Amino acid sequence: MKTSIDEIVETINAPDLVQKGDAGTLLAIKKYPKTPVSEKKYLVVIYKEVDPSDGFVLTAYYANRLRKRMIIWEKN
């Protein structure tokens, strides 16, 4: 994921979807047509907000499909 720092920041700033995670976390999700792993994958960034203007990333990973979770926000 070291080579994907720009994509991680972009996913947090402009996600396609935000889902509710476990233990107060949020999942910022964005679909990318090409990734270091393969074609057409979702980048899932799990983060926690301390307040509306501050937070931290716990982890990030690429996925073929998404888990069914509560959707908090979705891009139109």
N, C-alpha and C. Protein backbone atom coordinates (compact mmCIF):
# COMPACT_ATOMS: atom_id res chain seq x y z
N MET A 1 0.82 -1.20 0.00
CA MET A 1 0.00 0.00 0.00
C MET A 1 0.86 1.26 0.00
N LYS A 2 2.15 1.11 0.21
CA LYS A 2 3.03 2.27 0.24
C LYS A 2 2.94 3.08 -1.05
N THR A 3 2.78 2.40 -2.18
CA THR A 3 2.68 3.09 -3.46
C THR A 3 1.31 3.69 -3.70
N SER A 4 0.36 3.44 -2.81
CA SER A 4 -1.01 3.90 -3.01
C SER A 4 -1.41 5.04 -2.08
N ILE A 5 -0.46 5.75 -1.53
CA ILE A 5 -0.78 6.82 -0.58
C ILE A 5 -1.67 7.88 -1.21
N ASP A 6 -1.40 8.28 -2.45
CA ASP A 6 -2.24 9.27 -3.12
C ASP A 6 -3.67 8.77 -3.26
N GLU A 7 -3.84 7.49 -3.60
CA GLU A 7 -5.17 6.92 -3.75
C GLU A 7 -5.89 6.84 -2.40
N ILE A 8 -5.16 6.56 -1.34
CA ILE A 8 -5.76 6.50 -0.01
C ILE A 8 -6.29 7.87 0.38
N VAL A 9 -5.49 8.90 0.18
CA VAL A 9 -5.92 10.27 0.49
C VAL A 9 -7.12 10.67 -0.38
N GLU A 10 -7.08 10.34 -1.67
CA GLU A 10 -8.18 10.64 -2.57
C GLU A 10 -9.46 9.92 -2.14
N THR A 11 -9.34 8.68 -1.71
CA THR A 11 -10.51 7.91 -1.27
C THR A 11 -11.15 8.52 -0.04
N ILE A 12 -10.34 9.00 0.89
CA ILE A 12 -10.89 9.64 2.09
C ILE A 12 -11.53 10.98 1.74
N ASN A 13 -10.90 11.76 0.88
CA ASN A 13 -11.41 13.10 0.53
C ASN A 13 -12.61 13.07 -0.42
N ALA A 14 -12.67 12.08 -1.31
CA ALA A 14 -13.74 12.02 -2.31
C ALA A 14 -14.19 10.58 -2.53
N PRO A 15 -14.79 9.96 -1.51
CA PRO A 15 -15.20 8.56 -1.66
C PRO A 15 -16.42 8.41 -2.55
N ASP A 16 -16.60 7.21 -3.10
CA ASP A 16 -17.83 6.87 -3.80
C ASP A 16 -18.91 6.47 -2.80
N LEU A 17 -18.45 6.00 -1.65
CA LEU A 17 -19.35 5.42 -0.65
C LEU A 17 -18.68 5.44 0.71
N VAL A 18 -19.47 5.68 1.76
CA VAL A 18 -18.97 5.56 3.13
C VAL A 18 -19.89 4.60 3.87
N GLN A 19 -19.30 3.56 4.46
CA GLN A 19 -20.06 2.58 5.21
C GLN A 19 -19.68 2.65 6.68
N LYS A 20 -20.62 2.20 7.52
CA LYS A 20 -20.34 2.14 8.96
C LYS A 20 -19.54 0.88 9.24
N GLY A 21 -18.44 1.03 9.96
CA GLY A 21 -17.60 -0.11 10.32
C GLY A 21 -17.87 -0.57 11.74
N ASP A 22 -16.95 -1.34 12.26
CA ASP A 22 -17.06 -1.85 13.63
C ASP A 22 -16.36 -0.90 14.60
N ALA A 23 -16.82 -0.88 15.83
CA ALA A 23 -16.18 -0.13 16.93
C ALA A 23 -15.99 1.35 16.60
N GLY A 24 -16.98 1.96 15.95
CA GLY A 24 -16.92 3.39 15.68
C GLY A 24 -16.09 3.79 14.48
N THR A 25 -15.69 2.84 13.66
CA THR A 25 -14.91 3.16 12.47
C THR A 25 -15.81 3.45 11.29
N LEU A 26 -15.22 4.06 10.27
CA LEU A 26 -15.90 4.33 9.00
C LEU A 26 -15.07 3.72 7.88
N LEU A 27 -15.75 3.32 6.80
CA LEU A 27 -15.06 2.76 5.65
C LEU A 27 -15.30 3.68 4.46
N ALA A 28 -14.26 4.34 4.00
CA ALA A 28 -14.33 5.16 2.79
C ALA A 28 -13.98 4.23 1.63
N ILE A 29 -14.81 4.24 0.58
CA ILE A 29 -14.65 3.28 -0.51
C ILE A 29 -14.69 4.01 -1.84
N LYS A 30 -13.77 3.65 -2.72
CA LYS A 30 -13.73 4.24 -4.05
C LYS A 30 -13.29 3.15 -5.03
N LYS A 31 -13.97 3.07 -6.17
CA LYS A 31 -13.62 2.08 -7.18
C LYS A 31 -12.60 2.68 -8.14
N TYR A 32 -11.54 1.92 -8.38
CA TYR A 32 -10.48 2.35 -9.29
C TYR A 32 -10.43 1.39 -10.48
N PRO A 33 -10.31 1.94 -11.70
CA PRO A 33 -10.27 1.08 -12.90
C PRO A 33 -9.00 0.25 -12.99
N LYS A 34 -7.90 0.75 -12.42
CA LYS A 34 -6.63 0.02 -12.45
C LYS A 34 -5.94 0.23 -11.11
N THR A 35 -5.46 -0.86 -10.53
CA THR A 35 -4.77 -0.80 -9.25
C THR A 35 -3.46 -1.57 -9.34
N PRO A 36 -2.60 -1.46 -8.33
CA PRO A 36 -1.37 -2.25 -8.35
C PRO A 36 -1.65 -3.76 -8.30
N VAL A 37 -2.83 -4.13 -7.83
CA VAL A 37 -3.18 -5.54 -7.70
C VAL A 37 -3.72 -6.10 -9.02
N SER A 38 -4.68 -5.40 -9.61
CA SER A 38 -5.28 -5.83 -10.88
C SER A 38 -6.23 -4.75 -11.39
N GLU A 39 -7.10 -5.13 -12.28
CA GLU A 39 -8.08 -4.20 -12.85
C GLU A 39 -9.34 -4.13 -11.96
N LYS A 40 -10.01 -3.00 -11.98
CA LYS A 40 -11.32 -2.78 -11.36
C LYS A 40 -11.45 -3.34 -9.94
N LYS A 41 -10.86 -2.64 -9.02
CA LYS A 41 -10.96 -3.02 -7.60
C LYS A 41 -11.43 -1.83 -6.79
N TYR A 42 -12.00 -2.12 -5.64
CA TYR A 42 -12.37 -1.09 -4.68
C TYR A 42 -11.21 -0.89 -3.71
N LEU A 43 -10.92 0.36 -3.42
CA LEU A 43 -9.99 0.67 -2.35
C LEU A 43 -10.85 0.99 -1.12
N VAL A 44 -10.64 0.23 -0.06
CA VAL A 44 -11.38 0.42 1.18
C VAL A 44 -10.40 0.97 2.21
N VAL A 45 -10.72 2.16 2.73
CA VAL A 45 -9.87 2.79 3.75
C VAL A 45 -10.67 2.84 5.05
N ILE A 46 -10.19 2.15 6.05
CA ILE A 46 -10.86 2.13 7.35
C ILE A 46 -10.22 3.21 8.21
N TYR A 47 -11.06 4.11 8.71
CA TYR A 47 -10.55 5.23 9.49
C TYR A 47 -11.49 5.54 10.64
N LYS A 48 -11.00 6.34 11.55
CA LYS A 48 -11.79 6.75 12.70
C LYS A 48 -11.71 8.26 12.81
N GLU A 49 -12.86 8.90 13.01
CA GLU A 49 -12.91 10.35 13.18
C GLU A 49 -12.83 10.69 14.66
N VAL A 50 -11.94 11.61 15.00
CA VAL A 50 -11.86 12.13 16.36
C VAL A 50 -12.91 13.23 16.50
N ASP A 51 -12.98 14.10 15.51
CA ASP A 51 -14.03 15.11 15.38
C ASP A 51 -14.19 15.36 13.88
N PRO A 52 -15.14 16.20 13.46
CA PRO A 52 -15.38 16.38 12.02
C PRO A 52 -14.18 16.83 11.19
N SER A 53 -13.18 17.42 11.82
CA SER A 53 -12.02 17.88 11.05
C SER A 53 -10.73 17.12 11.37
N ASP A 54 -10.83 16.03 12.15
CA ASP A 54 -9.63 15.30 12.53
C ASP A 54 -9.93 13.81 12.65
N GLY A 55 -8.97 13.00 12.26
CA GLY A 55 -9.13 11.56 12.36
C GLY A 55 -7.84 10.86 11.98
N PHE A 56 -7.89 9.54 11.88
CA PHE A 56 -6.70 8.77 11.52
C PHE A 56 -7.10 7.50 10.79
N VAL A 57 -6.19 7.03 9.92
CA VAL A 57 -6.40 5.82 9.14
C VAL A 57 -5.91 4.63 9.94
N LEU A 58 -6.74 3.59 9.99
CA LEU A 58 -6.34 2.35 10.65
C LEU A 58 -5.69 1.38 9.68
N THR A 59 -6.32 1.21 8.51
CA THR A 59 -5.77 0.33 7.49
C THR A 59 -6.46 0.61 6.16
N ALA A 60 -5.91 0.03 5.10
CA ALA A 60 -6.50 0.16 3.77
C ALA A 60 -6.20 -1.11 2.99
N TYR A 61 -7.12 -1.48 2.11
CA TYR A 61 -6.93 -2.69 1.31
C TYR A 61 -7.77 -2.61 0.04
N TYR A 62 -7.40 -3.42 -0.95
CA TYR A 62 -8.17 -3.54 -2.19
C TYR A 62 -9.09 -4.74 -2.09
N ALA A 63 -10.30 -4.61 -2.65
CA ALA A 63 -11.28 -5.69 -2.60
C ALA A 63 -12.00 -5.83 -3.94
N ASN A 64 -12.38 -7.06 -4.25
CA ASN A 64 -13.17 -7.32 -5.46
C ASN A 64 -14.62 -6.89 -5.30
N ARG A 65 -15.15 -7.15 -4.09
CA ARG A 65 -16.54 -6.80 -3.81
C ARG A 65 -16.65 -6.28 -2.40
N LEU A 66 -17.77 -5.65 -2.13
CA LEU A 66 -17.96 -5.01 -0.83
C LEU A 66 -18.84 -5.85 0.07
N ARG A 67 -18.60 -5.76 1.36
CA ARG A 67 -19.46 -6.42 2.34
C ARG A 67 -20.73 -5.60 2.50
N LYS A 68 -21.79 -6.27 2.88
CA LYS A 68 -23.05 -5.57 3.13
C LYS A 68 -22.97 -4.94 4.51
N ARG A 69 -22.93 -3.63 4.51
CA ARG A 69 -22.88 -2.84 5.74
C ARG A 69 -23.81 -1.65 5.58
N MET A 70 -24.08 -0.99 6.68
CA MET A 70 -24.91 0.21 6.64
C MET A 70 -24.21 1.29 5.85
N ILE A 71 -24.92 1.87 4.87
CA ILE A 71 -24.37 2.95 4.07
C ILE A 71 -24.69 4.28 4.75
N ILE A 72 -23.66 5.05 5.05
CA ILE A 72 -23.82 6.35 5.69
C ILE A 72 -23.94 7.45 4.64
N TRP A 73 -23.17 7.32 3.57
CA TRP A 73 -23.16 8.32 2.52
C TRP A 73 -22.82 7.66 1.19
N GLU A 74 -23.49 8.11 0.12
CA GLU A 74 -23.20 7.58 -1.20
C GLU A 74 -23.19 8.70 -2.23
N LYS A 75 -22.19 8.69 -3.10
CA LYS A 75 -22.07 9.68 -4.16
C LYS A 75 -23.17 9.44 -5.19
N ASN A 76 -23.77 10.51 -5.66
CA ASN A 76 -24.84 10.38 -6.67
C ASN A 76 -24.29 10.18 -8.04
